[in-house]
Amino acid sequence: MLALLLITLAGCGSGQFLLPPRSGGNAPARQYQQAVEQHYRVGQRNVEAAVTAEELAIAHDPRWAPAYSRLAELFLSLGQPTAALATARKATMVAPRTALYQTNLGKLATSLGRAKLAAQAFSQAIRLNPASWASMDGLAGLALSQGQDRVAVRWLERALAAGGPEALTWQEWGQMAEAEGNWSSAGRYYRQAQAAAPAWWRPHYDLAKLAMHRGQLGRARRELRIALGSNPGSSQAWLLLQSLPAGLAHWRAQQSGQYPVDGSKTP
């Protein structure tokens, strides 16, 4: 198995470009692109080496659940979701009475759009550990994505009672308040999420949206740069940062009544 893994990793894109090397752009732009590709290849080689080491750890102790759980994350970072899910499931089989591995499986399934599997894993985690607030947060997030706000509120309340203030819980409260147009409450929740997890990019992104709503372009830009410092791969933050001037103009047009909420121009 390990030999097959090493053969697979040897051809796992380490020499590939994210973008074609002759895809246009001027000379300085191409130089920056080359630097990006070099950083990408170094990072990918590091992940591949970690996968190999984790496989060796499992070969020495096939019943060690933490190794499977971590290996699942590594497979996901290499763009191998099928292997990631299979390995996360293996962790739950090796340690079937440990809530953490069910929670990790639920988070992974959620990120891959496997809502049914995620709900099953989160529910099993809560059965194993009734204080598993992270799984309650996960079920709240699934309910929000399905428009089930009341169900989400119940899970968020349980999560706060079980684990105290936690970043994801506050961020989801903020999402609900924002969806209701209650920007004041949304901002308060997002700041609580930021305080609970200062290194997490998402509260900064959400606070940037709040700043745009208030016409605070400079503050929105600062929050987005902090978000990208924590998570340079966030397409949401990049897109919002690039659209700031036009986005701010759109917010102001909406507030002045020139455009209705759906963005179409009034006659």
C-alpha atoms as a PDB file:
ATOM      1  CA  MET A   1       0.000   0.000   0.000  1.00  0.00           C
ATOM      2  CA  LEU A   2       2.786   2.393   0.961  1.00  0.00           C
ATOM      3  CA  ALA A   3       4.704   1.691  -2.257  1.00  0.00           C
ATOM      4  CA  LEU A   4       1.574   2.443  -4.279  1.00  0.00           C
ATOM      5  CA  LEU A   5       1.081   5.662  -2.317  1.00  0.00           C
ATOM      6  CA  LEU A   6       4.630   6.793  -3.054  1.00  0.00           C
ATOM      7  CA  ILE A   7       4.180   6.102  -6.785  1.00  0.00           C
ATOM      8  CA  THR A   8       0.905   8.033  -6.757  1.00  0.00           C
ATOM      9  CA  LEU A   9       2.410  11.001  -4.932  1.00  0.00           C
ATOM     10  CA  ALA A  10       5.393  11.128  -7.276  1.00  0.00           C
ATOM     11  CA  GLY A  11       3.003  12.121 -10.062  1.00  0.00           C
ATOM     12  CA  CYS A  12       0.662  14.172  -7.917  1.00  0.00           C
ATOM     13  CA  GLY A  13       1.070  17.451  -9.760  1.00  0.00           C
ATOM     14  CA  SER A  14       4.301  18.645  -8.158  1.00  0.00           C
ATOM     15  CA  GLY A  15       5.561  19.766 -11.557  1.00  0.00           C
ATOM     16  CA  GLN A  16       2.263  21.183 -12.765  1.00  0.00           C
ATOM     17  CA  PHE A  17       1.354  24.832 -13.070  1.00  0.00           C
ATOM     18  CA  LEU A  18      -1.800  26.220 -11.528  1.00  0.00           C
ATOM     19  CA  LEU A  19      -1.981  28.435 -14.622  1.00  0.00           C
ATOM     20  CA  PRO A  20      -0.336  27.742 -18.011  1.00  0.00           C
ATOM     21  CA  PRO A  21       3.126  29.354 -18.135  1.00  0.00           C
ATOM     22  CA  ARG A  22       2.310  30.955 -21.523  1.00  0.00           C
ATOM     23  CA  SER A  23      -1.096  32.382 -20.735  1.00  0.00           C
ATOM     24  CA  GLY A  24      -0.336  36.026 -21.473  1.00  0.00           C
ATOM     25  CA  GLY A  25       0.580  38.793 -19.078  1.00  0.00           C
ATOM     26  CA  ASN A  26       3.567  41.126 -19.161  1.00  0.00           C
ATOM     27  CA  ALA A  27       7.058  40.218 -17.952  1.00  0.00           C
ATOM     28  CA  PRO A  28       6.649  41.408 -14.315  1.00  0.00           C
ATOM     29  CA  ALA A  29       3.320  39.619 -14.054  1.00  0.00           C
ATOM     30  CA  ARG A  30       4.869  36.388 -15.344  1.00  0.00           C
ATOM     31  CA  GLN A  31       7.711  36.695 -12.817  1.00  0.00           C
ATOM     32  CA  TYR A  32       5.232  37.029  -9.968  1.00  0.00           C
ATOM     33  CA  GLN A  33       3.295  34.074 -11.341  1.00  0.00           C
ATOM     34  CA  GLN A  34       6.457  31.990 -11.419  1.00  0.00           C
ATOM     35  CA  ALA A  35       7.085  32.847  -7.765  1.00  0.00           C
ATOM     36  CA  VAL A  36       3.546  31.772  -6.919  1.00  0.00           C
ATOM     37  CA  GLU A  37       4.064  28.440  -8.677  1.00  0.00           C
ATOM     38  CA  GLN A  38       7.359  27.844  -6.886  1.00  0.00           C
ATOM     39  CA  HIS A  39       5.730  28.473  -3.497  1.00  0.00           C
ATOM     40  CA  TYR A  40       2.881  26.181  -4.475  1.00  0.00           C
ATOM     41  CA  ARG A  41       5.207  23.338  -5.458  1.00  0.00           C
ATOM     42  CA  VAL A  42       7.219  23.639  -2.227  1.00  0.00           C
ATOM     43  CA  GLY A  43       4.018  23.625  -0.177  1.00  0.00           C
ATOM     44  CA  GLN A  44       2.649  20.635  -2.064  1.00  0.00           C
ATOM     45  CA  ARG A  45       5.885  18.683  -1.620  1.00  0.00           C
ATOM     46  CA  ASN A  46       5.681  19.352   2.117  1.00  0.00           C
ATOM     47  CA  VAL A  47       2.117  17.998   2.231  1.00  0.00           C
ATOM     48  CA  GLU A  48       3.111  14.943   0.209  1.00  0.00           C
ATOM     49  CA  ALA A  49       5.973  14.259   2.609  1.00  0.00           C
ATOM     50  CA  ALA A  50       3.532  14.572   5.526  1.00  0.00           C
ATOM     51  CA  VAL A  51       1.200  12.063   3.863  1.00  0.00           C
ATOM     52  CA  THR A  52       4.062   9.594   3.488  1.00  0.00           C
ATOM     53  CA  ALA A  53       5.086  10.026   7.134  1.00  0.00           C
ATOM     54  CA  GLU A  54       1.490   9.598   8.297  1.00  0.00           C
ATOM     55  CA  GLU A  55       1.155   6.432   6.226  1.00  0.00           C
ATOM     56  CA  LEU A  56       4.304   5.103   7.886  1.00  0.00           C
ATOM     57  CA  ALA A  57       2.826   5.891  11.310  1.00  0.00           C
ATOM     58  CA  ILE A  58      -0.310   3.932  10.405  1.00  0.00           C
ATOM     59  CA  ALA A  59       1.773   1.046   9.067  1.00  0.00           C
ATOM     60  CA  HIS A  60       3.439   0.805  12.492  1.00  0.00           C
ATOM     61  CA  ASP A  61       0.153   1.155  14.401  1.00  0.00           C
ATOM     62  CA  PRO A  62      -2.955   0.461  12.261  1.00  0.00           C
ATOM     63  CA  ARG A  63      -5.258   1.051  15.244  1.00  0.00           C
ATOM     64  CA  TRP A  64      -4.102   4.621  15.932  1.00  0.00           C
ATOM     65  CA  ALA A  65      -7.131   6.783  15.088  1.00  0.00           C
ATOM     66  CA  PRO A  66      -5.455  10.242  15.267  1.00  0.00           C
ATOM     67  CA  ALA A  67      -3.215   9.307  12.327  1.00  0.00           C
ATOM     68  CA  TYR A  68      -6.225   8.498  10.125  1.00  0.00           C
ATOM     69  CA  SER A  69      -7.962  11.717  11.118  1.00  0.00           C
ATOM     70  CA  ARG A  70      -4.943  13.851  10.280  1.00  0.00           C
ATOM     71  CA  LEU A  71      -4.283  11.917   7.067  1.00  0.00           C
ATOM     72  CA  ALA A  72      -7.814  12.753   5.930  1.00  0.00           C
ATOM     73  CA  GLU A  73      -7.024  16.468   6.257  1.00  0.00           C
ATOM     74  CA  LEU A  74      -3.823  16.020   4.276  1.00  0.00           C
ATOM     75  CA  PHE A  75      -5.627  14.192   1.475  1.00  0.00           C
ATOM     76  CA  LEU A  76      -8.166  17.018   1.317  1.00  0.00           C
ATOM     77  CA  SER A  77      -5.410  19.626   1.023  1.00  0.00           C
ATOM     78  CA  LEU A  78      -4.007  17.615  -1.919  1.00  0.00           C
ATOM     79  CA  GLY A  79      -7.371  17.779  -3.686  1.00  0.00           C
ATOM     80  CA  GLN A  80      -8.295  14.140  -3.064  1.00  0.00           C
ATOM     81  CA  PRO A  81     -11.764  14.317  -1.454  1.00  0.00           C
ATOM     82  CA  THR A  82     -12.651  10.651  -1.992  1.00  0.00           C
ATOM     83  CA  ALA A  83      -9.512   9.500  -0.197  1.00  0.00           C
ATOM     84  CA  ALA A  84     -10.083  12.117   2.504  1.00  0.00           C
ATOM     85  CA  LEU A  85     -13.622  10.887   3.254  1.00  0.00           C
ATOM     86  CA  ALA A  86     -12.578   7.226   3.228  1.00  0.00           C
ATOM     87  CA  THR A  87      -9.728   7.939   5.649  1.00  0.00           C
ATOM     88  CA  ALA A  88     -11.911  10.043   7.979  1.00  0.00           C
ATOM     89  CA  ARG A  89     -14.416   7.190   8.066  1.00  0.00           C
ATOM     90  CA  LYS A  90     -11.570   4.815   8.925  1.00  0.00           C
ATOM     91  CA  ALA A  91     -10.801   6.957  11.984  1.00  0.00           C
ATOM     92  CA  THR A  92     -14.394   6.547  13.193  1.00  0.00           C
ATOM     93  CA  MET A  93     -14.194   2.773  12.662  1.00  0.00           C
ATOM     94  CA  VAL A  94     -10.900   2.468  14.537  1.00  0.00           C
ATOM     95  CA  ALA A  95     -12.259   4.540  17.463  1.00  0.00           C
ATOM     96  CA  PRO A  96     -16.052   4.147  17.236  1.00  0.00           C
ATOM     97  CA  ARG A  97     -16.729   5.571  20.699  1.00  0.00           C
ATOM     98  CA  THR A  98     -14.753   8.799  20.275  1.00  0.00           C
ATOM     99  CA  ALA A  99     -16.919  11.810  19.411  1.00  0.00           C
ATOM    100  CA  LEU A 100     -14.004  13.841  18.021  1.00  0.00           C
ATOM    101  CA  TYR A 101     -13.574  11.651  14.952  1.00  0.00           C
ATOM    102  CA  GLN A 102     -17.290  11.758  14.186  1.00  0.00           C
ATOM    103  CA  THR A 103     -17.132  15.556  14.444  1.00  0.00           C
ATOM    104  CA  ASN A 104     -14.110  15.676  12.135  1.00  0.00           C
ATOM    105  CA  LEU A 105     -15.939  13.473   9.624  1.00  0.00           C
ATOM    106  CA  GLY A 106     -18.956  15.790   9.834  1.00  0.00           C
ATOM    107  CA  LYS A 107     -16.845  18.875   9.164  1.00  0.00           C
ATOM    108  CA  LEU A 108     -15.118  17.227   6.219  1.00  0.00           C
ATOM    109  CA  ALA A 109     -18.421  16.012   4.747  1.00  0.00           C
ATOM    110  CA  THR A 110     -19.889  19.518   5.153  1.00  0.00           C
ATOM    111  CA  SER A 111     -16.975  21.087   3.270  1.00  0.00           C
ATOM    112  CA  LEU A 112     -17.574  18.634   0.417  1.00  0.00           C
ATOM    113  CA  GLY A 113     -21.319  19.245   0.233  1.00  0.00           C
ATOM    114  CA  ARG A 114     -22.229  15.850   1.692  1.00  0.00           C
ATOM    115  CA  ALA A 115     -24.968  17.175   3.966  1.00  0.00           C
ATOM    116  CA  LYS A 116     -26.599  13.821   4.790  1.00  0.00           C
ATOM    117  CA  LEU A 117     -23.318  12.197   5.803  1.00  0.00           C
ATOM    118  CA  ALA A 118     -22.357  15.308   7.785  1.00  0.00           C
ATOM    119  CA  ALA A 119     -25.647  15.278   9.716  1.00  0.00           C
ATOM    120  CA  GLN A 120     -25.234  11.592  10.539  1.00  0.00           C
ATOM    121  CA  ALA A 121     -21.684  12.119  11.786  1.00  0.00           C
ATOM    122  CA  PHE A 122     -22.565  15.185  13.885  1.00  0.00           C
ATOM    123  CA  SER A 123     -25.567  13.417  15.402  1.00  0.00           C
ATOM    124  CA  GLN A 124     -23.468  10.379  16.295  1.00  0.00           C
ATOM    125  CA  ALA A 125     -20.874  12.655  17.912  1.00  0.00           C
ATOM    126  CA  ILE A 126     -23.564  14.207  20.111  1.00  0.00           C
ATOM    127  CA  ARG A 127     -24.860  10.758  21.078  1.00  0.00           C
ATOM    128  CA  LEU A 128     -21.326   9.836  22.160  1.00  0.00           C
ATOM    129  CA  ASN A 129     -20.719  13.172  23.882  1.00  0.00           C
ATOM    130  CA  PRO A 130     -23.807  15.262  24.739  1.00  0.00           C
ATOM    131  CA  ALA A 131     -21.504  18.285  25.295  1.00  0.00           C
ATOM    132  CA  SER A 132     -20.054  18.171  21.765  1.00  0.00           C
ATOM    133  CA  TRP A 133     -20.685  21.825  20.957  1.00  0.00           C
ATOM    134  CA  ALA A 134     -18.634  21.651  17.745  1.00  0.00           C
ATOM    135  CA  SER A 135     -21.083  19.091  16.337  1.00  0.00           C
ATOM    136  CA  MET A 136     -23.988  21.246  17.478  1.00  0.00           C
ATOM    137  CA  ASP A 137     -22.429  24.119  15.560  1.00  0.00           C
ATOM    138  CA  GLY A 138     -22.129  21.799  12.576  1.00  0.00           C
ATOM    139  CA  LEU A 139     -25.816  20.871  12.702  1.00  0.00           C
ATOM    140  CA  ALA A 140     -26.713  24.554  13.059  1.00  0.00           C
ATOM    141  CA  GLY A 141     -24.688  25.362   9.964  1.00  0.00           C
ATOM    142  CA  LEU A 142     -26.421  22.611   7.990  1.00  0.00           C
ATOM    143  CA  ALA A 143     -29.823  23.894   9.134  1.00  0.00           C
ATOM    144  CA  LEU A 144     -28.916  27.444   8.069  1.00  0.00           C
ATOM    145  CA  SER A 145     -27.836  26.241   4.635  1.00  0.00           C
ATOM    146  CA  GLN A 146     -31.243  24.563   4.253  1.00  0.00           C
ATOM    147  CA  GLY A 147     -33.224  27.609   5.388  1.00  0.00           C
ATOM    148  CA  GLN A 148     -34.231  26.014   8.705  1.00  0.00           C
ATOM    149  CA  ASP A 149     -33.560  29.003  10.938  1.00  0.00           C
ATOM    150  CA  ARG A 150     -35.541  27.764  13.939  1.00  0.00           C
ATOM    151  CA  VAL A 151     -33.664  24.481  13.958  1.00  0.00           C
ATOM    152  CA  ALA A 152     -30.388  26.392  13.649  1.00  0.00           C
ATOM    153  CA  VAL A 153     -31.286  28.607  16.627  1.00  0.00           C
ATOM    154  CA  ARG A 154     -31.969  25.578  18.810  1.00  0.00           C
ATOM    155  CA  TRP A 155     -28.617  24.023  17.962  1.00  0.00           C
ATOM    156  CA  LEU A 156     -26.759  27.299  18.468  1.00  0.00           C
ATOM    157  CA  GLU A 157     -28.344  27.775  21.882  1.00  0.00           C
ATOM    158  CA  ARG A 158     -27.331  24.255  22.842  1.00  0.00           C
ATOM    159  CA  ALA A 159     -23.798  24.845  21.559  1.00  0.00           C
ATOM    160  CA  LEU A 160     -23.409  27.998  23.659  1.00  0.00           C
ATOM    161  CA  ALA A 161     -24.751  26.199  26.728  1.00  0.00           C
ATOM    162  CA  ALA A 162     -22.416  23.246  26.194  1.00  0.00           C
ATOM    163  CA  GLY A 163     -19.204  25.006  25.236  1.00  0.00           C
ATOM    164  CA  GLY A 164     -19.494  28.664  26.061  1.00  0.00           C
ATOM    165  CA  PRO A 165     -18.700  31.429  23.534  1.00  0.00           C
ATOM    166  CA  GLU A 166     -17.104  29.875  20.457  1.00  0.00           C
ATOM    167  CA  ALA A 167     -16.215  31.560  17.176  1.00  0.00           C
ATOM    168  CA  LEU A 168     -18.295  29.477  14.792  1.00  0.00           C
ATOM    169  CA  THR A 169     -21.361  29.777  17.012  1.00  0.00           C
ATOM    170  CA  TRP A 170     -21.132  33.566  17.091  1.00  0.00           C
ATOM    171  CA  GLN A 171     -20.445  33.715  13.352  1.00  0.00           C
ATOM    172  CA  GLU A 172     -23.603  31.738  12.616  1.00  0.00           C
ATOM    173  CA  TRP A 173     -25.645  33.995  14.906  1.00  0.00           C
ATOM    174  CA  GLY A 174     -24.235  36.894  12.907  1.00  0.00           C
ATOM    175  CA  GLN A 175     -25.257  35.274   9.631  1.00  0.00           C
ATOM    176  CA  MET A 176     -28.845  34.985  10.807  1.00  0.00           C
ATOM    177  CA  ALA A 177     -28.921  38.581  12.007  1.00  0.00           C
ATOM    178  CA  GLU A 178     -27.451  39.768   8.705  1.00  0.00           C
ATOM    179  CA  ALA A 179     -30.034  37.786   6.733  1.00  0.00           C
ATOM    180  CA  GLU A 180     -32.744  39.571   8.741  1.00  0.00           C
ATOM    181  CA  GLY A 181     -31.195  42.956   7.943  1.00  0.00           C
ATOM    182  CA  ASN A 182     -30.183  43.501  11.581  1.00  0.00           C
ATOM    183  CA  TRP A 183     -26.664  44.757  10.881  1.00  0.00           C
ATOM    184  CA  SER A 184     -26.136  46.113  14.387  1.00  0.00           C
ATOM    185  CA  SER A 185     -26.636  42.691  15.976  1.00  0.00           C
ATOM    186  CA  ALA A 186     -24.701  41.016  13.163  1.00  0.00           C
ATOM    187  CA  GLY A 187     -21.710  43.263  13.838  1.00  0.00           C
ATOM    188  CA  ARG A 188     -21.850  42.484  17.552  1.00  0.00           C
ATOM    189  CA  TYR A 189     -21.868  38.738  16.872  1.00  0.00           C
ATOM    190  CA  TYR A 190     -19.061  38.989  14.320  1.00  0.00           C
ATOM    191  CA  ARG A 191     -16.907  40.921  16.799  1.00  0.00           C
ATOM    192  CA  GLN A 192     -17.551  38.215  19.392  1.00  0.00           C
ATOM    193  CA  ALA A 193     -16.464  35.601  16.842  1.00  0.00           C
ATOM    194  CA  GLN A 194     -13.336  37.630  16.161  1.00  0.00           C
ATOM    195  CA  ALA A 195     -12.529  37.837  19.879  1.00  0.00           C
ATOM    196  CA  ALA A 196     -13.008  34.080  20.270  1.00  0.00           C
ATOM    197  CA  ALA A 197     -10.721  33.249  17.311  1.00  0.00           C
ATOM    198  CA  PRO A 198      -8.475  36.216  16.388  1.00  0.00           C
ATOM    199  CA  ALA A 199      -6.604  34.234  13.713  1.00  0.00           C
ATOM    200  CA  TRP A 200      -9.760  33.088  11.884  1.00  0.00           C
ATOM    201  CA  TRP A 201     -10.315  34.892   8.578  1.00  0.00           C
ATOM    202  CA  ARG A 202     -14.109  34.661   8.445  1.00  0.00           C
ATOM    203  CA  PRO A 203     -15.065  37.261  11.122  1.00  0.00           C
ATOM    204  CA  HIS A 204     -12.826  39.818   9.397  1.00  0.00           C
ATOM    205  CA  TYR A 205     -14.568  39.090   6.092  1.00  0.00           C
ATOM    206  CA  ASP A 206     -17.979  39.502   7.705  1.00  0.00           C
ATOM    207  CA  LEU A 207     -16.915  42.728   9.416  1.00  0.00           C
ATOM    208  CA  ALA A 208     -15.740  43.993   6.017  1.00  0.00           C
ATOM    209  CA  LYS A 209     -19.266  43.441   4.691  1.00  0.00           C
ATOM    210  CA  LEU A 210     -20.609  45.383   7.663  1.00  0.00           C
ATOM    211  CA  ALA A 211     -18.164  48.226   6.934  1.00  0.00           C
ATOM    212  CA  MET A 212     -19.309  48.307   3.298  1.00  0.00           C
ATOM    213  CA  HIS A 213     -22.912  48.487   4.445  1.00  0.00           C
ATOM    214  CA  ARG A 214     -21.975  51.547   6.494  1.00  0.00           C
ATOM    215  CA  GLY A 215     -19.968  53.096   3.665  1.00  0.00           C
ATOM    216  CA  GLN A 216     -16.629  52.634   5.463  1.00  0.00           C
ATOM    217  CA  LEU A 217     -14.399  51.731   2.527  1.00  0.00           C
ATOM    218  CA  GLY A 218     -11.083  52.051   4.394  1.00  0.00           C
ATOM    219  CA  ARG A 219     -12.214  49.860   7.241  1.00  0.00           C
ATOM    220  CA  ALA A 220     -13.575  47.254   4.842  1.00  0.00           C
ATOM    221  CA  ARG A 221     -10.223  47.160   3.047  1.00  0.00           C
ATOM    222  CA  ARG A 222      -8.320  46.739   6.343  1.00  0.00           C
ATOM    223  CA  GLU A 223     -10.556  43.878   7.489  1.00  0.00           C
ATOM    224  CA  LEU A 224     -10.207  42.093   4.145  1.00  0.00           C
ATOM    225  CA  ARG A 225      -6.424  42.390   4.219  1.00  0.00           C
ATOM    226  CA  ILE A 226      -6.397  40.854   7.694  1.00  0.00           C
ATOM    227  CA  ALA A 227      -8.667  38.072   6.429  1.00  0.00           C
ATOM    228  CA  LEU A 228      -6.340  37.376   3.508  1.00  0.00           C
ATOM    229  CA  GLY A 229      -3.338  37.416   5.831  1.00  0.00           C
ATOM    230  CA  SER A 230      -4.957  34.550   7.744  1.00  0.00           C
ATOM    231  CA  ASN A 231      -6.292  32.752   4.680  1.00  0.00           C
ATOM    232  CA  PRO A 232      -4.649  33.849   1.412  1.00  0.00           C
ATOM    233  CA  GLY A 233      -6.713  31.324  -0.522  1.00  0.00           C
ATOM    234  CA  SER A 234     -10.096  32.846   0.343  1.00  0.00           C
ATOM    235  CA  SER A 235     -11.759  33.586  -2.985  1.00  0.00           C
ATOM    236  CA  GLN A 236     -14.603  35.366  -1.174  1.00  0.00           C
ATOM    237  CA  ALA A 237     -12.247  37.861   0.447  1.00  0.00           C
ATOM    238  CA  TRP A 238     -10.291  38.436  -2.775  1.00  0.00           C
ATOM    239  CA  LEU A 239     -13.438  39.073  -4.792  1.00  0.00           C
ATOM    240  CA  LEU A 240     -14.835  41.482  -2.215  1.00  0.00           C
ATOM    241  CA  LEU A 241     -11.529  43.335  -1.980  1.00  0.00           C
ATOM    242  CA  GLN A 242     -11.345  43.724  -5.764  1.00  0.00           C
ATOM    243  CA  SER A 243     -14.924  44.999  -5.953  1.00  0.00           C
ATOM    244  CA  LEU A 244     -14.724  47.479  -3.076  1.00  0.00           C
ATOM    245  CA  PRO A 245     -15.201  50.784  -4.989  1.00  0.00           C
ATOM    246  CA  ALA A 246     -18.021  49.414  -7.152  1.00  0.00           C
ATOM    247  CA  GLY A 247     -19.496  47.568  -4.199  1.00  0.00           C
ATOM    248  CA  LEU A 248     -19.525  50.680  -2.059  1.00  0.00           C
ATOM    249  CA  ALA A 249     -21.225  52.647  -4.837  1.00  0.00           C
ATOM    250  CA  HIS A 250     -23.849  49.909  -5.047  1.00  0.00           C
ATOM    251  CA  TRP A 251     -24.500  50.030  -1.293  1.00  0.00           C
ATOM    252  CA  ARG A 252     -24.955  53.810  -1.446  1.00  0.00           C
ATOM    253  CA  ALA A 253     -27.277  53.554  -4.460  1.00  0.00           C
ATOM    254  CA  GLN A 254     -29.421  51.045  -2.597  1.00  0.00           C
ATOM    255  CA  GLN A 255     -29.606  53.230   0.503  1.00  0.00           C
ATOM    256  CA  SER A 256     -30.529  56.304  -1.528  1.00  0.00           C
ATOM    257  CA  GLY A 257     -33.406  54.423  -3.150  1.00  0.00           C
ATOM    258  CA  GLN A 258     -31.877  54.528  -6.630  1.00  0.00           C
ATOM    259  CA  TYR A 259     -31.812  50.719  -6.682  1.00  0.00           C
ATOM    260  CA  PRO A 260     -34.111  48.300  -4.904  1.00  0.00           C
ATOM    261  CA  VAL A 261     -32.740  45.416  -2.847  1.00  0.00           C
ATOM    262  CA  ASP A 262     -32.514  43.078  -5.863  1.00  0.00           C
ATOM    263  CA  GLY A 263     -30.124  45.463  -7.615  1.00  0.00           C
ATOM    264  CA  SER A 264     -32.322  46.334 -10.586  1.00  0.00           C
ATOM    265  CA  LYS A 265     -32.665  50.016 -11.406  1.00  0.00           C
ATOM    266  CA  THR A 266     -35.916  51.761 -10.603  1.00  0.00           C
ATOM    267  CA  PRO A 267     -37.691  53.454 -13.530  1.00  0.00           C
END
